[in-house]
Each structure stands twice: as structure tokens, then as C-alpha cells.
Protein backbone atom coordinates (compact mmCIF):
# COMPACT_ATOMS: atom_id res chain seq x y z
CA MET A 1 64.77 196.00 123.68
CA THR A 2 64.97 199.18 125.85
CA ALA A 3 68.29 200.86 126.21
CA ARG A 4 69.67 202.19 129.36
CA THR A 5 71.01 205.62 128.71
CA ALA A 6 74.09 207.28 130.02
CA PRO A 7 76.13 210.43 129.15
CA LEU A 8 79.24 208.25 128.93
CA LEU A 9 79.83 204.57 128.30
CA VAL A 10 83.16 203.09 129.46
CA ILE A 11 84.13 199.60 128.11
CA GLY A 12 86.40 197.86 130.49
CA GLY A 13 86.70 197.84 134.19
CA GLY A 14 90.27 197.53 134.68
CA GLN A 15 92.96 200.25 135.50
CA ALA A 16 92.08 202.14 132.18
CA GLY A 17 88.30 201.94 132.72
CA LEU A 18 88.40 202.88 136.48
CA SER A 19 90.58 205.98 135.89
CA THR A 20 88.34 207.08 133.24
CA ALA A 21 85.26 206.71 135.44
CA HIS A 22 87.09 208.67 138.11
CA THR A 23 88.00 211.40 135.66
CA ALA A 24 84.52 211.56 134.13
CA ARG A 25 83.26 212.25 137.55
CA THR A 26 85.53 215.06 138.07
CA LEU A 27 84.28 216.49 134.85
CA GLY A 28 80.66 216.16 135.88
CA LEU A 29 79.80 212.99 133.80
CA ALA A 30 78.05 209.95 135.36
CA PRO A 31 79.65 207.06 133.43
CA VAL A 32 78.37 203.36 133.22
CA VAL A 33 81.17 201.11 133.13
CA LEU A 34 80.69 197.52 131.65
CA GLU A 35 83.23 194.94 132.66
CA ALA A 36 83.33 191.50 131.14
CA GLY A 37 84.95 189.87 134.25
CA ASP A 38 83.65 189.00 137.69
CA ARG A 39 85.33 191.94 139.42
CA PRO A 40 86.77 195.21 138.35
CA ALA A 41 90.39 194.26 137.83
CA GLY A 42 90.98 193.88 134.15
CA SER A 43 93.87 191.71 133.12
CA TRP A 44 95.58 191.65 136.54
CA PRO A 45 94.07 188.48 137.99
CA HIS A 46 95.28 186.53 135.02
CA TYR A 47 99.02 187.28 135.12
CA TYR A 48 101.63 184.91 136.62
CA ASP A 49 101.78 184.44 140.26
CA SER A 50 105.23 186.12 140.85
CA LEU A 51 104.62 189.17 138.76
CA THR A 52 105.50 192.42 140.54
CA LEU A 53 105.25 195.90 139.13
CA PHE A 54 108.26 197.27 137.54
CA SER A 55 107.59 200.75 139.02
CA PRO A 56 107.50 201.60 142.68
CA ALA A 57 104.18 202.07 144.61
CA ARG A 58 104.61 205.81 144.53
CA ARG A 59 104.51 205.87 140.79
CA SER A 60 101.84 203.23 140.35
CA ALA A 61 98.67 204.89 141.51
CA LEU A 62 95.42 205.70 139.73
CA PRO A 63 94.23 209.21 140.00
CA GLY A 64 92.92 210.30 143.49
CA SER A 65 94.16 207.37 145.47
CA SER A 66 97.71 206.62 146.39
CA PHE A 67 98.92 203.01 146.51
CA PRO A 68 98.95 201.88 150.16
CA GLY A 69 101.96 200.74 152.11
CA ASN A 70 105.73 201.55 151.61
CA PRO A 71 105.81 203.88 148.67
CA ASP A 72 109.19 202.58 147.56
CA ARG A 73 108.33 198.86 147.35
CA TYR A 74 107.20 196.99 144.14
CA PRO A 75 103.66 195.69 144.55
CA ALA A 76 102.83 192.17 143.72
CA ARG A 77 100.03 191.07 141.38
CA ASP A 78 97.55 190.34 144.14
CA GLU A 79 98.20 193.67 145.78
CA VAL A 80 97.32 195.29 142.52
CA VAL A 81 94.09 193.35 142.22
CA ALA A 82 93.12 194.43 145.80
CA TYR A 83 94.08 198.00 145.06
CA LEU A 84 91.80 198.19 142.08
CA ALA A 85 88.90 196.46 143.90
CA GLY A 86 89.15 199.03 146.56
CA TYR A 87 89.48 201.90 144.01
CA ALA A 88 86.24 200.70 142.20
CA ALA A 89 84.42 200.39 145.58
CA ARG A 90 85.06 204.06 146.33
CA LEU A 91 84.13 205.29 142.84
CA ASP A 92 80.77 207.18 142.51
CA ALA A 93 80.11 205.24 139.32
CA ASP A 94 77.80 202.61 137.92
CA ILE A 95 80.16 199.70 137.39
CA ARG A 96 78.65 196.42 136.14
CA THR A 97 80.66 193.27 136.12
CA GLY A 98 79.83 190.28 134.08
CA HIS A 99 78.78 192.46 131.30
CA ARG A 100 80.84 191.43 128.18
CA VAL A 101 80.11 193.79 125.29
CA GLU A 102 79.80 191.99 122.07
CA ARG A 103 79.16 194.90 119.65
CA ILE A 104 78.55 198.55 119.50
CA THR A 105 76.49 200.54 116.80
CA ARG A 106 76.00 204.09 116.15
CA THR A 107 72.96 205.80 114.86
CA GLU A 108 72.43 209.60 114.56
CA GLY A 109 75.19 210.24 117.08
CA VAL A 110 74.15 207.84 119.63
CA PHE A 111 76.13 204.68 120.48
CA GLU A 112 74.33 201.37 121.57
CA ALA A 113 76.45 198.77 123.20
CA VAL A 114 74.89 195.14 123.23
CA THR A 115 76.20 192.66 125.93
CA ALA A 116 76.36 188.93 125.73
CA ALA A 117 73.27 188.75 127.97
CA GLY A 118 71.29 191.02 125.58
CA ASP A 119 71.40 194.20 127.83
CA VAL A 120 71.84 197.49 125.85
CA VAL A 121 73.35 200.68 127.09
CA ALA A 122 73.09 203.90 124.93
CA ALA A 123 75.32 206.95 125.16
CA PRO A 124 76.70 209.73 123.06
CA LEU A 125 80.21 209.16 124.14
CA VAL A 126 82.13 206.00 124.48
CA ILE A 127 85.62 205.12 125.87
CA ALA A 128 87.00 201.68 124.98
CA ALA A 129 89.12 201.11 127.86
CA THR A 130 89.91 197.30 127.35
CA GLY A 131 93.46 198.27 127.09
CA ALA A 132 96.44 196.81 125.27
CA PHE A 133 96.64 193.51 127.33
CA SER A 134 93.50 191.67 126.61
CA ARG A 135 94.43 189.67 123.43
CA PRO A 136 97.67 187.54 123.70
CA HIS A 137 99.82 187.88 120.69
CA ARG A 138 100.92 184.66 118.93
CA PRO A 139 103.37 185.55 116.15
CA PRO A 140 103.56 183.27 113.11
CA LEU A 141 106.87 181.72 113.84
CA PRO A 142 107.99 179.06 111.33
CA GLY A 143 106.77 175.61 112.27
CA LEU A 144 104.92 176.80 115.36
CA ASP A 145 101.43 175.43 114.33
CA ALA A 146 102.89 172.08 113.64
CA PHE A 147 105.12 171.86 116.75
CA SER A 148 104.37 168.75 118.62
CA GLY A 149 105.33 169.75 121.97
CA THR A 150 103.47 172.17 124.14
CA VAL A 151 102.72 175.85 123.04
CA LEU A 152 101.88 178.41 125.80
CA HIS A 153 101.35 182.04 125.84
CA ALA A 154 102.72 184.04 129.07
CA SER A 155 99.05 184.65 129.68
CA ASP A 156 98.76 180.92 130.37
CA TYR A 157 101.73 180.77 132.63
CA ARG A 158 101.29 180.81 136.49
CA ARG A 159 104.20 179.21 138.28
CA PRO A 160 107.40 177.27 137.44
CA GLU A 161 106.72 173.88 139.24
CA PRO A 162 104.76 172.24 136.31
CA PHE A 163 107.87 172.68 134.08
CA ALA A 164 110.41 170.87 136.35
CA GLY A 165 112.95 168.84 134.43
CA LYS A 166 111.57 169.96 130.90
CA ARG A 167 113.30 171.61 128.07
CA VAL A 168 111.86 175.08 127.61
CA VAL A 169 112.24 177.81 125.08
CA VAL A 170 110.81 181.20 126.02
CA VAL A 171 110.39 183.54 122.98
CA GLY A 172 110.49 187.28 123.79
CA GLY A 173 112.86 189.96 125.24
CA GLY A 174 110.81 192.04 127.37
CA ASN A 175 110.42 192.31 131.18
CA SER A 176 107.90 189.50 131.46
CA ALA A 177 109.88 187.21 129.05
CA VAL A 178 113.04 187.73 131.16
CA GLN A 179 111.22 187.40 134.41
CA ILE A 180 109.62 184.21 133.41
CA ALA A 181 112.72 182.71 131.91
CA ILE A 182 114.79 183.21 135.02
CA GLU A 183 112.18 182.04 137.22
CA LEU A 184 111.73 178.69 135.14
CA ALA A 185 115.54 178.28 135.02
CA ALA A 186 115.53 177.15 138.74
CA VAL A 187 113.62 174.10 137.84
CA ALA A 188 114.18 173.45 134.11
CA ASP A 189 116.58 173.76 131.11
CA VAL A 190 115.68 177.04 129.62
CA THR A 191 116.74 179.10 126.66
CA LEU A 192 115.41 182.62 126.21
CA ALA A 193 115.15 183.10 122.37
CA THR A 194 115.09 186.76 120.99
CA ARG A 195 115.28 188.61 117.68
CA ARG A 196 117.43 191.35 119.06
CA PRO A 197 120.01 191.39 122.10
CA LEU A 198 118.50 192.21 125.34
CA ARG A 199 118.37 195.75 126.31
CA PHE A 200 118.66 196.50 129.98
CA MET A 201 117.51 199.64 131.79
CA PRO A 202 118.85 200.21 135.19
CA GLN A 203 116.09 199.95 137.96
CA ARG A 204 117.80 202.39 140.06
CA ILE A 205 119.94 205.56 139.09
CA ALA A 206 121.89 207.39 141.78
CA GLY A 207 119.76 205.58 144.60
CA ARG A 208 116.46 206.41 143.14
CA ASP A 209 114.13 204.30 140.87
CA VAL A 210 114.37 205.07 137.08
CA HIS A 211 110.67 205.88 137.04
CA ILE A 212 111.23 208.78 139.43
CA TRP A 213 113.85 210.23 137.12
CA LEU A 214 111.48 209.57 133.99
CA TRP A 215 108.81 211.46 135.77
CA ARG A 216 111.12 214.46 137.01
CA THR A 217 112.59 214.82 133.47
CA GLY A 218 109.21 214.62 131.89
CA LEU A 219 110.23 211.56 129.64
CA ASP A 220 107.49 209.41 131.10
CA THR A 221 104.64 211.47 129.72
CA ALA A 222 106.38 213.03 126.62
CA GLY A 223 105.15 211.79 123.26
CA TRP A 224 108.32 212.97 121.69
CA ALA A 225 110.47 210.59 123.83
CA ARG A 226 109.20 207.55 122.13
CA PRO A 227 112.27 207.25 119.67
CA LEU A 228 114.61 207.52 122.59
CA LEU A 229 112.88 205.03 124.99
CA ALA A 230 111.55 202.64 122.27
CA GLY A 231 112.32 203.42 118.61
CA GLY A 232 113.33 200.40 116.73
CA LYS A 233 115.27 198.85 119.58
CA ALA A 234 114.31 195.99 121.95
CA THR A 235 111.93 196.76 124.78
CA PRO A 236 114.08 197.82 127.85
CA VAL A 237 114.19 195.28 130.57
CA MET A 238 114.17 196.94 134.17
CA ASP A 239 116.93 195.42 135.99
CA THR A 240 118.67 196.03 139.41
CA GLY A 241 121.64 193.73 138.03
CA THR A 242 120.07 190.40 138.85
CA TYR A 243 118.67 189.77 135.61
CA ARG A 244 121.83 190.64 133.81
CA THR A 245 123.94 188.30 135.97
CA ALA A 246 121.69 185.45 135.52
CA ILE A 247 121.63 185.79 131.68
CA ALA A 248 125.46 186.21 131.81
CA SER A 249 125.73 183.02 133.77
CA GLY A 250 124.05 181.05 131.12
CA ASN A 251 121.04 180.03 133.11
CA PRO A 252 118.92 180.70 131.23
CA ASP A 253 120.97 181.00 128.13
CA ARG A 254 120.11 183.73 125.72
CA ARG A 255 120.15 182.81 121.92
CA PRO A 256 118.99 184.42 118.62
CA LEU A 257 115.47 183.15 117.78
CA PHE A 258 115.45 179.66 116.30
CA VAL A 259 115.31 179.31 112.50
CA ARG A 260 112.07 177.05 112.78
CA LEU A 261 110.42 174.50 114.87
CA ASP A 262 110.28 170.96 113.29
CA GLY A 263 108.05 168.25 114.89
CA GLU A 264 109.30 168.19 118.48
CA ASP A 265 112.63 170.08 117.73
CA ALA A 266 113.92 173.68 117.32
CA VAL A 267 116.28 174.34 114.60
CA TRP A 268 118.86 176.93 115.42
CA GLU A 269 121.09 178.91 113.10
CA GLY A 270 123.70 176.61 111.60
CA GLY A 271 121.21 173.72 111.29
CA VAL A 272 121.71 172.55 115.02
CA ARG A 273 118.55 170.71 116.15
CA GLU A 274 117.39 169.81 119.77
CA HIS A 275 114.32 168.44 121.38
CA VAL A 276 112.05 170.97 123.03
CA ASP A 277 109.21 170.13 125.32
CA VAL A 278 107.74 173.60 125.77
CA VAL A 279 107.73 176.78 123.67
CA LEU A 280 106.41 179.59 125.94
CA LEU A 281 105.48 182.86 124.00
CA ALA A 282 106.11 185.93 126.03
CA THR A 283 105.42 188.00 122.90
CA GLY A 284 103.02 190.52 124.24
CA TYR A 285 99.42 191.44 123.75
CA ARG A 286 97.23 193.36 121.23
CA PRO A 287 94.10 195.37 121.95
CA ASP A 288 90.96 193.25 121.90
CA ALA A 289 88.42 195.77 120.54
CA GLY A 290 86.47 193.47 118.23
CA TYR A 291 83.22 194.86 119.51
CA LEU A 292 83.94 198.11 117.57
CA ALA A 293 84.42 196.28 114.15
CA GLY A 294 81.02 197.33 112.78
CA LEU A 295 81.80 201.07 113.42
CA GLY A 296 84.77 201.24 110.99
CA ALA A 297 86.98 202.16 114.17
CA LEU A 298 89.75 199.51 113.53
CA ASP A 299 92.17 198.76 110.73
CA GLU A 300 92.65 195.39 108.94
CA HIS A 301 94.58 193.95 111.93
CA GLY A 302 91.93 195.00 114.46
CA THR A 303 94.15 197.95 115.75
CA PRO A 304 92.22 201.13 116.78
CA LEU A 305 92.45 204.05 114.39
CA GLN A 306 93.11 206.87 116.85
CA ARG A 307 95.39 209.71 117.45
CA ALA A 308 96.37 210.44 121.20
CA GLY A 309 93.36 208.23 122.07
CA VAL A 310 90.76 210.10 120.09
CA SER A 311 89.31 207.98 117.07
CA THR A 312 90.13 209.37 113.75
CA THR A 313 87.15 207.68 112.02
CA VAL A 314 84.18 207.67 114.61
CA PRO A 315 83.02 210.81 116.20
CA GLY A 316 82.47 210.39 119.98
CA LEU A 317 84.73 207.47 120.37
CA GLY A 318 87.96 207.50 122.43
CA TYR A 319 90.42 205.02 124.01
CA VAL A 320 92.28 204.83 127.20
CA GLY A 321 95.09 202.22 128.02
CA LEU A 322 96.71 201.56 124.71
CA GLU A 323 100.53 201.25 124.52
CA TRP A 324 102.15 204.65 123.49
CA GLN A 325 98.78 206.13 123.18
CA ARG A 326 100.35 209.44 124.25
CA SER A 327 103.50 208.37 125.99
CA PHE A 328 105.67 205.79 127.59
CA ALA A 329 103.27 205.71 130.53
CA SER A 330 100.16 205.35 128.71
CA ALA A 331 99.34 201.74 129.33
CA THR A 332 100.41 201.87 133.03
CA LEU A 333 98.60 202.55 136.18
CA ARG A 334 100.41 205.88 136.53
CA GLY A 335 99.55 206.98 133.05
CA VAL A 336 96.03 206.08 132.28
CA GLY A 337 94.59 208.96 134.32
CA ALA A 338 96.19 211.66 132.43
CA ASP A 339 95.25 209.98 129.18
CA ALA A 340 91.57 209.73 130.22
CA ARG A 341 91.43 213.50 131.04
CA HIS A 342 93.07 214.28 127.68
CA VAL A 343 90.61 212.12 125.71
CA LEU A 344 87.49 213.13 127.59
CA THR A 345 88.19 216.77 127.43
CA ARG A 346 88.48 216.56 123.53
CA LEU A 347 85.58 214.37 123.07
CA ARG A 348 83.28 216.67 125.05
CA ARG A 349 84.64 219.73 123.27
CA ALA A 350 84.10 218.14 119.84
CA ALA A 351 80.57 217.11 120.90
CA GLY A 352 79.84 220.67 122.23
CA HIS A 353 79.29 219.40 126.03
CA ALA A 354 79.50 222.21 128.33
CA GLY A 355 77.20 221.20 131.27
CA THR A 356 77.26 218.23 133.53
CA GLY A 357 75.84 214.80 132.95
CA ALA A 358 73.85 212.73 135.25
């Protein structure tokens, strides 16, 4: 089996992989990008229909290409997919869709990636850019596995109509959980169940989007800001006031997480039981980097062992697109470019790369 060689191999052709490819070209490297899907859009085509960005278009662009249209609007899911497709088409990079990487090995300083179809690409440097949103997280909630109703993850949710008239419990307290619960509440009886009280962050401050202020103050890209923006608190929900008003009205109602699920019932604190048709888990995602398992690059939970995107166990391996990889913006359209430059610069320096790659 003959391997195609490249100076840099990028796994994943979504926002993290495309920004990495762009940055690599500015550094003189000719990357090969392997994307499992049929188009270079990452997870975006699989999100729910009504999803819009939580940051305005002017703060939602990849390096080298502004987001088209009104810079103060909040682009919808399909606009992001189209933006990524256009970005990929303009890149001077070898992007191969339909190439799912199954495993990566490393011998004498050279990585070899083997795809599901048996193709092999070899490179001295690898960036795992499959991001933080490729593996839906299903927490071990009491009784969940034996629940006789329907259990869905937010990754399976598309639109509210199929849930009309049903009793739905949405589990989660982040932006997507709140947005989905409020959308479902128009057609169903919905409870938003969270471990902690909801934490709202104003979408606009003094007439400007909060992301503009985060950028101007440097908090958006400051690693030290994590305790301030996240810490042990609930994930902040961006809100113009609409979400807070809807929750305060009781439609949907917000409750502490149920004690357990039992058959077709949810058992709440105090022993109150009620029938539930659907439990929808808006409980986030985890990195899907199983193709790195044989390298010793992951911990026992499959989480990358890394510092600021550089592997702490495997020389020549880096990551782009992980949540809080370096900052609040790390897993976002606006943040992946800076992280890609940081990681590539350090990997090349460690490997002694001074010239260009072709």
C-alpha cells in the first residue's frame, strides 16, 4: 500500500480544518485535508433547522474571508454551510471529502493516516481538526437507559412539528438547550431541566453585541479569562431578553434536573411522578478523536492530552477546534484561525522546519 505524502495532514474539513489549511498556506505548507463527510462543512449541516449563530457576522469569519451580507446580523445554519463551502472552494489546498480516517500510526517521526477506503496519507505533522462537536455526549442519568419513552440528543433534533402535543423534557442549560426548549414550547408541553440555575448573558451591551465588547477588551481570546467566563458556573446563555421572558412565563418551565427516570415517568424532587414522552438531551458534545487511540494521544475518556492545542504526548501532533483550547473563542468560527497559527508555529519550531513545504 503506497502512501501519498504531504508536509502537513489535517483531519477534518469543517471550520477548524479549513482555517488550519488557510493558515498552513500562509506559512508555506501544502496541506492535505481529509474530511469524512461529502462536503467541507464539518458538523454544521447536521444541526437543527432554526439554529443561528450567537455572534454577529462581523465576528464569525474564518481568516482571510469576511462573512458576506450585513455584518451585524446573526447568520443561520445554512448560511454558515454555504460560507464554508465557498471558503473551501477558494483555498489553495488538497481537500478530500468522503475520506474518513480510521486510524493513525507513527513510525520514525512520520504519521500515516489510513482511511475507511484504505487510502494512506503520510506526513511529519498532523492537525486533528475534527473539533469538539463531533461526538454527542449522553450523560449517565439515572434510569435513562431503561426509559420507555423516546430519548434523543440535540444532534437528532431538526424541527418542532414532530413533537406537537407531546410531553417533552429538555435536559441542559446552554444556548442550544434554551433555544430548542423555547421553540418546542410553541407546540408541546416542555420542561427545561438543568443541574444549575440558568445564567443569562446580555446579547447587547450599550447597543453593541457582547462579542464586540469581548473582542475589544481582549476577554474573547484571553486564556486567563476562563474562570470569569466559565469557571464552575452554568454555561452563559446569550439573550436579548426574549429567552429570559419566555422562561419566566413558565412556557417552557425550568426545573432542577429530575431525580430519575422510571419506565415512562420522570420522578422529580419530592417524589412527584409524571408521564414523559420524550427526553431530549441538549448536553453538548465531546471530541471524536478515536483515530488517535493507538498513538497514546488520548486519556482514558478519549480526551486529547494537549496544552494550548499541542499534544503533550506525541511530537508533531496538534489540535484545532477544541473548546477552551486556548480561550473562550477557541471552538468558534472567529477563534479557530488564531489557534491554528499558534499550533502550527509551535509544531514547526519543534520539528525544526524553517523552509516551505510543497
